[in-house]
All heavy atoms as atom14 arrays in JSON, in Angstrom:
{
  "sequence": "EILKWIEKPDLRINRACTASAMLGLISPRDFVDLILVRETDECLS",
  "atom14_mask": [
    [1, 1, 1, 1, 1, 1, 1, 1, 1, 0, 0, 0, 0, 0],
    [1, 1, 1, 1, 1, 1, 1, 1, 0, 0, 0, 0, 0, 0],
    [1, 1, 1, 1, 1, 1, 1, 1, 0, 0, 0, 0, 0, 0],
    [1, 1, 1, 1, 1, 1, 1, 1, 1, 0, 0, 0, 0, 0],
    [1, 1, 1, 1, 1, 1, 1, 1, 1, 1, 1, 1, 1, 1],
    [1, 1, 1, 1, 1, 1, 1, 1, 0, 0, 0, 0, 0, 0],
    [1, 1, 1, 1, 1, 1, 1, 1, 1, 0, 0, 0, 0, 0],
    [1, 1, 1, 1, 1, 1, 1, 1, 1, 0, 0, 0, 0, 0],
    [1, 1, 1, 1, 1, 1, 1, 0, 0, 0, 0, 0, 0, 0],
    [1, 1, 1, 1, 1, 1, 1, 1, 0, 0, 0, 0, 0, 0],
    [1, 1, 1, 1, 1, 1, 1, 1, 0, 0, 0, 0, 0, 0],
    [1, 1, 1, 1, 1, 1, 1, 1, 1, 1, 1, 0, 0, 0],
    [1, 1, 1, 1, 1, 1, 1, 1, 0, 0, 0, 0, 0, 0],
    [1, 1, 1, 1, 1, 1, 1, 1, 0, 0, 0, 0, 0, 0],
    [1, 1, 1, 1, 1, 1, 1, 1, 1, 1, 1, 0, 0, 0],
    [1, 1, 1, 1, 1, 0, 0, 0, 0, 0, 0, 0, 0, 0],
    [1, 1, 1, 1, 1, 1, 0, 0, 0, 0, 0, 0, 0, 0],
    [1, 1, 1, 1, 1, 1, 1, 0, 0, 0, 0, 0, 0, 0],
    [1, 1, 1, 1, 1, 0, 0, 0, 0, 0, 0, 0, 0, 0],
    [1, 1, 1, 1, 1, 1, 0, 0, 0, 0, 0, 0, 0, 0],
    [1, 1, 1, 1, 1, 0, 0, 0, 0, 0, 0, 0, 0, 0],
    [1, 1, 1, 1, 1, 1, 1, 1, 0, 0, 0, 0, 0, 0],
    [1, 1, 1, 1, 1, 1, 1, 1, 0, 0, 0, 0, 0, 0],
    [1, 1, 1, 1, 0, 0, 0, 0, 0, 0, 0, 0, 0, 0],
    [1, 1, 1, 1, 1, 1, 1, 1, 0, 0, 0, 0, 0, 0],
    [1, 1, 1, 1, 1, 1, 1, 1, 0, 0, 0, 0, 0, 0],
    [1, 1, 1, 1, 1, 1, 0, 0, 0, 0, 0, 0, 0, 0],
    [1, 1, 1, 1, 1, 1, 1, 0, 0, 0, 0, 0, 0, 0],
    [1, 1, 1, 1, 1, 1, 1, 1, 1, 1, 1, 0, 0, 0],
    [1, 1, 1, 1, 1, 1, 1, 1, 0, 0, 0, 0, 0, 0],
    [1, 1, 1, 1, 1, 1, 1, 1, 1, 1, 1, 0, 0, 0],
    [1, 1, 1, 1, 1, 1, 1, 0, 0, 0, 0, 0, 0, 0],
    [1, 1, 1, 1, 1, 1, 1, 1, 0, 0, 0, 0, 0, 0],
    [1, 1, 1, 1, 1, 1, 1, 1, 0, 0, 0, 0, 0, 0],
    [1, 1, 1, 1, 1, 1, 1, 1, 0, 0, 0, 0, 0, 0],
    [1, 1, 1, 1, 1, 1, 1, 1, 0, 0, 0, 0, 0, 0],
    [1, 1, 1, 1, 1, 1, 1, 0, 0, 0, 0, 0, 0, 0],
    [1, 1, 1, 1, 1, 1, 1, 1, 1, 1, 1, 0, 0, 0],
    [1, 1, 1, 1, 1, 1, 1, 1, 1, 0, 0, 0, 0, 0],
    [1, 1, 1, 1, 1, 1, 1, 0, 0, 0, 0, 0, 0, 0],
    [1, 1, 1, 1, 1, 1, 1, 1, 0, 0, 0, 0, 0, 0],
    [1, 1, 1, 1, 1, 1, 1, 1, 1, 0, 0, 0, 0, 0],
    [1, 1, 1, 1, 1, 1, 0, 0, 0, 0, 0, 0, 0, 0],
    [1, 1, 1, 1, 1, 1, 1, 1, 0, 0, 0, 0, 0, 0],
    [1, 1, 1, 1, 1, 1, 0, 0, 0, 0, 0, 0, 0, 0]
  ],
  "atom14_positions": [
    [[2.5, -4.57, 3.81], [2.35, -5.26, 5.08], [0.89, -5.65, 5.37], [0.0, -4.94, 4.89], [3.02, -4.39, 6.16], [2.38, -3.01, 6.2], [3.17, -2.17, 7.32], [3.64, -2.77, 8.3], [3.09, -0.97, 7.1], [0.0, 0.0, 0.0], [0.0, 0.0, 0.0], [0.0, 0.0, 0.0], [0.0, 0.0, 0.0], [0.0, 0.0, 0.0]],
    [[0.67, -6.7, 6.03], [-0.56, -7.0, 6.63], [-0.73, -6.58, 7.95], [0.03, -6.92, 8.82], [-0.73, -8.61, 6.65], [-0.64, -9.22, 5.23], [-2.08, -8.95, 7.25], [-0.69, -10.79, 5.07], [0.0, 0.0, 0.0], [0.0, 0.0, 0.0], [0.0, 0.0, 0.0], [0.0, 0.0, 0.0], [0.0, 0.0, 0.0], [0.0, 0.0, 0.0]],
    [[-1.77, -5.55, 8.04], [-1.76, -4.86, 9.47], [-2.68, -5.82, 10.42], [-2.49, -5.69, 11.58], [-2.46, -3.49, 9.18], [-1.66, -2.47, 8.35], [-2.48, -1.18, 8.2], [-0.32, -2.18, 9.08], [0.0, 0.0, 0.0], [0.0, 0.0, 0.0], [0.0, 0.0, 0.0], [0.0, 0.0, 0.0], [0.0, 0.0, 0.0], [0.0, 0.0, 0.0]],
    [[-3.59, -6.46, 9.79], [-4.53, -7.11, 10.53], [-5.33, -8.16, 9.86], [-5.77, -7.97, 8.65], [-5.55, -6.12, 11.16], [-6.59, -6.69, 12.13], [-7.36, -5.42, 12.63], [-8.48, -5.85, 13.71], [-9.24, -4.71, 14.19], [0.0, 0.0, 0.0], [0.0, 0.0, 0.0], [0.0, 0.0, 0.0], [0.0, 0.0, 0.0], [0.0, 0.0, 0.0]],
    [[-5.52, -9.43, 10.38], [-6.35, -10.42, 9.71], [-7.78, -10.17, 10.28], [-7.9, -10.19, 11.47], [-5.86, -11.84, 10.02], [-4.73, -12.28, 9.06], [-3.49, -12.21, 9.39], [-4.79, -12.69, 7.78], [-2.67, -12.6, 8.33], [-3.5, -12.99, 7.4], [-5.89, -12.81, 6.89], [-3.28, -13.34, 6.11], [-5.59, -13.29, 5.61], [-4.28, -13.57, 5.19]],
    [[-8.72, -9.97, 9.4], [-10.22, -9.95, 9.95], [-10.59, -11.31, 10.0], [-11.35, -11.68, 11.02], [-10.97, -9.12, 8.89], [-10.52, -7.76, 8.59], [-12.49, -9.04, 9.35], [-10.34, -6.85, 9.83], [0.0, 0.0, 0.0], [0.0, 0.0, 0.0], [0.0, 0.0, 0.0], [0.0, 0.0, 0.0], [0.0, 0.0, 0.0], [0.0, 0.0, 0.0]],
    [[-10.29, -12.18, 8.99], [-10.78, -13.54, 9.13], [-9.94, -14.32, 8.11], [-9.88, -14.09, 6.99], [-12.23, -13.76, 8.7], [-12.72, -15.14, 8.97], [-14.38, -15.33, 8.75], [-14.92, -14.18, 8.68], [-14.75, -16.3, 8.56], [0.0, 0.0, 0.0], [0.0, 0.0, 0.0], [0.0, 0.0, 0.0], [0.0, 0.0, 0.0], [0.0, 0.0, 0.0]],
    [[-9.07, -15.21, 8.66], [-8.18, -15.98, 7.69], [-8.97, -17.09, 7.13], [-9.97, -17.57, 7.62], [-7.06, -16.67, 8.66], [-5.98, -15.67, 9.1], [-4.77, -16.41, 9.8], [-3.72, -15.39, 10.18], [-2.47, -16.15, 10.69], [0.0, 0.0, 0.0], [0.0, 0.0, 0.0], [0.0, 0.0, 0.0], [0.0, 0.0, 0.0], [0.0, 0.0, 0.0]],
    [[-8.63, -17.4, 5.85], [-7.35, -16.96, 5.08], [-7.75, -15.96, 4.06], [-6.8, -15.62, 3.2], [-6.99, -18.3, 4.43], [-8.39, -18.97, 4.08], [-9.32, -18.63, 5.17], [0.0, 0.0, 0.0], [0.0, 0.0, 0.0], [0.0, 0.0, 0.0], [0.0, 0.0, 0.0], [0.0, 0.0, 0.0], [0.0, 0.0, 0.0], [0.0, 0.0, 0.0]],
    [[-8.95, -15.34, 4.01], [-9.36, -14.54, 2.76], [-9.64, -13.15, 3.04], [-9.76, -12.38, 2.16], [-10.52, -15.22, 2.17], [-11.84, -15.23, 3.1], [-11.63, -15.16, 4.35], [-12.94, -15.32, 2.48], [0.0, 0.0, 0.0], [0.0, 0.0, 0.0], [0.0, 0.0, 0.0], [0.0, 0.0, 0.0], [0.0, 0.0, 0.0], [0.0, 0.0, 0.0]],
    [[-9.63, -12.63, 4.28], [-10.02, -11.21, 4.58], [-9.07, -10.48, 5.48], [-8.9, -11.11, 6.74], [-11.46, -11.24, 5.19], [-12.17, -9.91, 5.2], [-12.4, -9.25, 3.91], [-13.55, -10.11, 6.12], [0.0, 0.0, 0.0], [0.0, 0.0, 0.0], [0.0, 0.0, 0.0], [0.0, 0.0, 0.0], [0.0, 0.0, 0.0], [0.0, 0.0, 0.0]],
    [[-8.47, -9.4, 4.96], [-7.44, -8.74, 5.83], [-7.29, -7.32, 5.58], [-8.01, -6.82, 4.54], [-6.1, -9.5, 5.45], [-5.63, -9.24, 3.97], [-4.32, -9.94, 3.66], [-3.61, -9.51, 2.45], [-3.83, -10.27, 1.29], [-4.53, -11.39, 1.33], [-3.21, -9.87, 0.2], [0.0, 0.0, 0.0], [0.0, 0.0, 0.0], [0.0, 0.0, 0.0]],
    [[-6.66, -6.63, 6.37], [-6.28, -5.23, 6.1], [-4.78, -5.17, 5.72], [-3.96, -5.62, 6.47], [-6.51, -4.35, 7.48], [-7.93, -4.54, 8.11], [-6.15, -2.97, 7.21], [-9.04, -3.88, 7.17], [0.0, 0.0, 0.0], [0.0, 0.0, 0.0], [0.0, 0.0, 0.0], [0.0, 0.0, 0.0], [0.0, 0.0, 0.0], [0.0, 0.0, 0.0]],
    [[-4.54, -4.47, 4.65], [-3.2, -4.38, 4.13], [-2.83, -2.84, 4.2], [-3.66, -1.98, 4.07], [-3.16, -4.73, 2.56], [-2.52, -6.1, 2.41], [-2.74, -7.11, 3.16], [-1.75, -6.29, 1.31], [0.0, 0.0, 0.0], [0.0, 0.0, 0.0], [0.0, 0.0, 0.0], [0.0, 0.0, 0.0], [0.0, 0.0, 0.0], [0.0, 0.0, 0.0]],
    [[-1.45, -2.68, 4.25], [-0.87, -1.33, 3.98], [0.07, -1.4, 2.9], [0.91, -2.36, 2.98], [-0.28, -0.77, 5.29], [0.28, 0.62, 5.02], [0.75, 1.16, 6.38], [1.46, 2.49, 6.28], [2.8, 2.7, 6.35], [3.56, 1.64, 6.68], [3.26, 3.82, 6.26], [0.0, 0.0, 0.0], [0.0, 0.0, 0.0], [0.0, 0.0, 0.0]],
    [[-0.02, -0.54, 1.88], [0.9, -0.49, 0.81], [1.49, 0.86, 0.76], [0.92, 1.87, 0.76], [0.28, -0.85, -0.48], [0.0, 0.0, 0.0], [0.0, 0.0, 0.0], [0.0, 0.0, 0.0], [0.0, 0.0, 0.0], [0.0, 0.0, 0.0], [0.0, 0.0, 0.0], [0.0, 0.0, 0.0], [0.0, 0.0, 0.0], [0.0, 0.0, 0.0]],
    [[2.86, 0.97, 0.66], [3.62, 2.21, 0.57], [4.28, 2.35, -0.78], [4.88, 1.44, -1.34], [4.68, 2.31, 1.57], [4.08, 2.13, 3.31], [0.0, 0.0, 0.0], [0.0, 0.0, 0.0], [0.0, 0.0, 0.0], [0.0, 0.0, 0.0], [0.0, 0.0, 0.0], [0.0, 0.0, 0.0], [0.0, 0.0, 0.0], [0.0, 0.0, 0.0]],
    [[3.83, 3.45, -1.57], [4.35, 3.55, -2.91], [5.57, 4.52, -2.99], [5.76, 5.36, -2.16], [3.2, 3.96, -3.9], [2.8, 5.3, -3.46], [2.11, 3.05, -3.73], [0.0, 0.0, 0.0], [0.0, 0.0, 0.0], [0.0, 0.0, 0.0], [0.0, 0.0, 0.0], [0.0, 0.0, 0.0], [0.0, 0.0, 0.0], [0.0, 0.0, 0.0]],
    [[6.37, 4.28, -4.01], [7.47, 5.17, -4.3], [7.04, 6.48, -4.86], [5.87, 6.7, -5.3], [8.41, 4.56, -5.25], [0.0, 0.0, 0.0], [0.0, 0.0, 0.0], [0.0, 0.0, 0.0], [0.0, 0.0, 0.0], [0.0, 0.0, 0.0], [0.0, 0.0, 0.0], [0.0, 0.0, 0.0], [0.0, 0.0, 0.0], [0.0, 0.0, 0.0]],
    [[7.89, 7.53, -4.87], [7.48, 8.78, -5.42], [7.44, 8.57, -7.02], [7.99, 7.62, -7.44], [8.54, 9.82, -5.25], [9.81, 9.51, -5.72], [0.0, 0.0, 0.0], [0.0, 0.0, 0.0], [0.0, 0.0, 0.0], [0.0, 0.0, 0.0], [0.0, 0.0, 0.0], [0.0, 0.0, 0.0], [0.0, 0.0, 0.0], [0.0, 0.0, 0.0]],
    [[6.7, 9.45, -7.77], [6.51, 9.16, -9.15], [6.61, 10.49, -9.89], [6.7, 11.63, -9.34], [5.14, 8.58, -9.33], [0.0, 0.0, 0.0], [0.0, 0.0, 0.0], [0.0, 0.0, 0.0], [0.0, 0.0, 0.0], [0.0, 0.0, 0.0], [0.0, 0.0, 0.0], [0.0, 0.0, 0.0], [0.0, 0.0, 0.0], [0.0, 0.0, 0.0]],
    [[6.7, 10.45, -11.25], [6.64, 11.61, -12.14], [7.87, 12.52, -11.75], [7.64, 13.71, -11.52], [5.3, 12.36, -11.99], [4.14, 11.58, -12.42], [3.98, 11.34, -14.2], [3.62, 12.97, -14.82], [0.0, 0.0, 0.0], [0.0, 0.0, 0.0], [0.0, 0.0, 0.0], [0.0, 0.0, 0.0], [0.0, 0.0, 0.0], [0.0, 0.0, 0.0]],
    [[9.02, 11.98, -11.59], [10.3, 12.68, -11.28], [10.04, 13.48, -9.94], [10.69, 14.58, -9.87], [10.66, 13.59, -12.47], [10.95, 12.8, -13.78], [11.16, 13.94, -14.89], [12.02, 11.95, -13.71], [0.0, 0.0, 0.0], [0.0, 0.0, 0.0], [0.0, 0.0, 0.0], [0.0, 0.0, 0.0], [0.0, 0.0, 0.0], [0.0, 0.0, 0.0]],
    [[9.47, 12.84, -9.05], [9.23, 13.57, -7.7], [8.15, 14.46, -7.55], [7.83, 15.0, -6.54], [0.0, 0.0, 0.0], [0.0, 0.0, 0.0], [0.0, 0.0, 0.0], [0.0, 0.0, 0.0], [0.0, 0.0, 0.0], [0.0, 0.0, 0.0], [0.0, 0.0, 0.0], [0.0, 0.0, 0.0], [0.0, 0.0, 0.0], [0.0, 0.0, 0.0]],
    [[7.36, 14.66, -8.74], [6.1, 15.56, -8.61], [5.16, 14.92, -7.62], [4.41, 15.64, -6.99], [5.55, 15.74, -9.94], [6.21, 16.72, -10.91], [5.5, 16.74, -12.26], [6.11, 18.05, -10.25], [0.0, 0.0, 0.0], [0.0, 0.0, 0.0], [0.0, 0.0, 0.0], [0.0, 0.0, 0.0], [0.0, 0.0, 0.0], [0.0, 0.0, 0.0]],
    [[5.07, 13.6, -7.59], [4.14, 12.91, -6.71], [4.94, 12.18, -5.56], [5.8, 11.32, -5.83], [3.19, 11.81, -7.46], [2.52, 12.46, -8.54], [2.46, 11.16, -6.41], [1.73, 11.55, -9.46], [0.0, 0.0, 0.0], [0.0, 0.0, 0.0], [0.0, 0.0, 0.0], [0.0, 0.0, 0.0], [0.0, 0.0, 0.0], [0.0, 0.0, 0.0]],
    [[4.79, 12.62, -4.42], [5.53, 12.16, -3.2], [5.15, 10.8, -2.87], [4.0, 10.43, -3.27], [5.52, 13.17, -2.11], [4.16, 13.27, -1.68], [0.0, 0.0, 0.0], [0.0, 0.0, 0.0], [0.0, 0.0, 0.0], [0.0, 0.0, 0.0], [0.0, 0.0, 0.0], [0.0, 0.0, 0.0], [0.0, 0.0, 0.0], [0.0, 0.0, 0.0]],
    [[5.79, 9.95, -1.96], [5.43, 8.74, -1.61], [3.97, 8.79, -0.98], [3.61, 9.66, -0.14], [6.39, 8.33, -0.63], [7.6, 9.02, -1.05], [7.12, 10.33, -1.53], [0.0, 0.0, 0.0], [0.0, 0.0, 0.0], [0.0, 0.0, 0.0], [0.0, 0.0, 0.0], [0.0, 0.0, 0.0], [0.0, 0.0, 0.0], [0.0, 0.0, 0.0]],
    [[3.19, 7.76, -1.31], [1.88, 7.53, -0.68], [1.75, 6.27, 0.12], [2.67, 5.41, -0.1], [0.87, 7.48, -1.88], [0.11, 8.7, -2.07], [0.89, 9.94, -2.49], [0.02, 11.05, -2.92], [0.48, 12.3, -3.1], [1.83, 12.56, -2.99], [-0.27, 13.3, -3.33], [0.0, 0.0, 0.0], [0.0, 0.0, 0.0], [0.0, 0.0, 0.0]],
    [[0.77, 6.22, 0.99], [0.44, 4.98, 1.53], [-1.06, 4.79, 1.51], [-1.86, 5.77, 1.48], [1.0, 4.68, 2.98], [0.35, 5.4, 4.11], [-0.38, 6.49, 3.73], [0.52, 5.1, 5.22], [0.0, 0.0, 0.0], [0.0, 0.0, 0.0], [0.0, 0.0, 0.0], [0.0, 0.0, 0.0], [0.0, 0.0, 0.0], [0.0, 0.0, 0.0]],
    [[-1.55, 3.48, 1.45], [-2.97, 3.13, 1.4], [-3.2, 2.03, 2.4], [-2.44, 1.09, 2.51], [-3.23, 2.63, -0.04], [-3.07, 3.69, -1.18], [-1.77, 3.84, -1.73], [-4.1, 4.43, -1.65], [-1.53, 4.77, -2.72], [-3.88, 5.38, -2.61], [-2.66, 5.6, -3.13], [0.0, 0.0, 0.0], [0.0, 0.0, 0.0], [0.0, 0.0, 0.0]],
    [[-4.27, 2.11, 3.18], [-4.66, 1.14, 4.07], [-6.03, 0.59, 3.45], [-7.05, 1.16, 3.38], [-4.99, 1.7, 5.56], [-5.51, 0.55, 6.42], [-3.67, 2.19, 6.1], [0.0, 0.0, 0.0], [0.0, 0.0, 0.0], [0.0, 0.0, 0.0], [0.0, 0.0, 0.0], [0.0, 0.0, 0.0], [0.0, 0.0, 0.0], [0.0, 0.0, 0.0]],
    [[-5.99, -0.65, 3.04], [-7.11, -1.35, 2.34], [-7.57, -2.57, 2.96], [-6.8, -3.45, 3.45], [-6.57, -1.57, 0.98], [-6.15, -0.46, 0.1], [-6.69, 0.64, 0.42], [-5.42, -0.53, -0.88], [0.0, 0.0, 0.0], [0.0, 0.0, 0.0], [0.0, 0.0, 0.0], [0.0, 0.0, 0.0], [0.0, 0.0, 0.0], [0.0, 0.0, 0.0]],
    [[-8.88, -2.72, 2.89], [-9.55, -4.01, 3.17], [-9.4, -4.87, 1.94], [-9.8, -4.39, 0.85], [-11.02, -3.65, 3.46], [-11.91, -4.95, 3.73], [-11.49, -5.76, 4.93], [-13.35, -4.41, 3.87], [0.0, 0.0, 0.0], [0.0, 0.0, 0.0], [0.0, 0.0, 0.0], [0.0, 0.0, 0.0], [0.0, 0.0, 0.0], [0.0, 0.0, 0.0]],
    [[-8.93, -6.1, 2.15], [-8.81, -7.01, 0.84], [-9.51, -8.33, 1.03], [-9.27, -8.97, 2.09], [-7.28, -7.21, 0.48], [-6.55, -5.87, 0.17], [-7.15, -8.21, -0.61], [-5.16, -6.04, -0.13], [0.0, 0.0, 0.0], [0.0, 0.0, 0.0], [0.0, 0.0, 0.0], [0.0, 0.0, 0.0], [0.0, 0.0, 0.0], [0.0, 0.0, 0.0]],
    [[-10.38, -8.69, 0.09], [-10.94, -10.06, 0.01], [-10.36, -10.79, -1.06], [-10.37, -10.32, -2.2], [-12.39, -9.91, -0.04], [-13.21, -11.15, -0.32], [-13.19, -12.07, 0.93], [-14.64, -10.8, -0.74], [0.0, 0.0, 0.0], [0.0, 0.0, 0.0], [0.0, 0.0, 0.0], [0.0, 0.0, 0.0], [0.0, 0.0, 0.0], [0.0, 0.0, 0.0]],
    [[-9.82, -11.94, -0.78], [-9.3, -12.82, -1.85], [-10.47, -13.85, -2.14], [-11.09, -14.44, -1.24], [-8.08, -13.64, -1.38], [-7.62, -14.61, -2.39], [-6.99, -12.68, -1.11], [0.0, 0.0, 0.0], [0.0, 0.0, 0.0], [0.0, 0.0, 0.0], [0.0, 0.0, 0.0], [0.0, 0.0, 0.0], [0.0, 0.0, 0.0], [0.0, 0.0, 0.0]],
    [[-10.77, -13.91, -3.47], [-11.91, -14.88, -3.79], [-11.56, -15.72, -4.92], [-10.81, -15.26, -5.91], [-13.03, -14.02, -4.02], [-14.24, -14.8, -4.54], [-15.44, -13.8, -4.96], [-16.3, -13.38, -4.02], [-17.33, -12.53, -4.14], [-17.66, -12.19, -5.37], [-18.12, -12.2, -3.13], [0.0, 0.0, 0.0], [0.0, 0.0, 0.0], [0.0, 0.0, 0.0]],
    [[-11.96, -17.06, -4.96], [-11.77, -17.9, -6.14], [-13.12, -18.61, -6.55], [-13.92, -18.94, -5.69], [-10.8, -19.04, -5.95], [-10.57, -19.94, -7.07], [-9.55, -20.91, -7.02], [-8.93, -21.08, -5.87], [-9.31, -21.56, -8.01], [0.0, 0.0, 0.0], [0.0, 0.0, 0.0], [0.0, 0.0, 0.0], [0.0, 0.0, 0.0], [0.0, 0.0, 0.0]],
    [[-13.43, -18.41, -7.72], [-14.71, -18.87, -8.3], [-14.26, -19.78, -9.5], [-12.98, -19.9, -9.85], [-15.65, -17.93, -8.87], [-15.15, -17.21, -9.96], [-15.93, -16.86, -7.66], [0.0, 0.0, 0.0], [0.0, 0.0, 0.0], [0.0, 0.0, 0.0], [0.0, 0.0, 0.0], [0.0, 0.0, 0.0], [0.0, 0.0, 0.0], [0.0, 0.0, 0.0]],
    [[-15.24, -20.35, -10.23], [-15.01, -21.1, -11.32], [-14.41, -20.28, -12.51], [-13.82, -20.83, -13.4], [-16.23, -21.86, -11.87], [-16.67, -22.99, -10.9], [-15.87, -23.49, -10.13], [-17.82, -23.41, -11.04], [0.0, 0.0, 0.0], [0.0, 0.0, 0.0], [0.0, 0.0, 0.0], [0.0, 0.0, 0.0], [0.0, 0.0, 0.0], [0.0, 0.0, 0.0]],
    [[-14.72, -19.06, -12.34], [-14.38, -18.07, -13.49], [-12.99, -17.43, -13.29], [-12.37, -17.2, -14.26], [-15.33, -17.06, -13.76], [-16.71, -17.48, -14.26], [-17.6, -18.22, -13.3], [-17.61, -17.85, -12.11], [-18.31, -19.1, -13.65], [0.0, 0.0, 0.0], [0.0, 0.0, 0.0], [0.0, 0.0, 0.0], [0.0, 0.0, 0.0], [0.0, 0.0, 0.0]],
    [[-12.77, -17.11, -12.06], [-11.45, -16.27, -11.78], [-11.05, -16.37, -10.33], [-11.71, -16.87, -9.43], [-11.7, -14.86, -12.19], [-12.69, -13.95, -11.03], [0.0, 0.0, 0.0], [0.0, 0.0, 0.0], [0.0, 0.0, 0.0], [0.0, 0.0, 0.0], [0.0, 0.0, 0.0], [0.0, 0.0, 0.0], [0.0, 0.0, 0.0], [0.0, 0.0, 0.0]],
    [[-9.74, -15.88, -10.22], [-9.09, -15.7, -8.92], [-9.05, -14.14, -8.66], [-8.73, -13.47, -9.76], [-7.69, -16.33, -8.76], [-7.6, -17.79, -8.74], [-6.29, -18.19, -9.65], [-7.46, -18.24, -7.31], [0.0, 0.0, 0.0], [0.0, 0.0, 0.0], [0.0, 0.0, 0.0], [0.0, 0.0, 0.0], [0.0, 0.0, 0.0], [0.0, 0.0, 0.0]],
    [[-9.35, -13.55, -7.62], [-9.37, -12.13, -7.55], [-8.99, -11.64, -6.16], [-9.14, -12.33, -5.15], [-10.71, -11.6, -7.88], [-11.75, -12.08, -6.97], [0.0, 0.0, 0.0], [0.0, 0.0, 0.0], [0.0, 0.0, 0.0], [0.0, 0.0, 0.0], [0.0, 0.0, 0.0], [0.0, 0.0, 0.0], [0.0, 0.0, 0.0], [0.0, 0.0, 0.0]]
  ]
}
């Protein structure tokens, strides 16, 4: 989910929720991340 746009169209706050892993040894996690989308002549990122 996008929690908040800092500046459209390239800068936002995302939240990602992950499933449990390793047969349940690792319980579900969530991460709140600042994300910048960038394009240059060399790459998209």
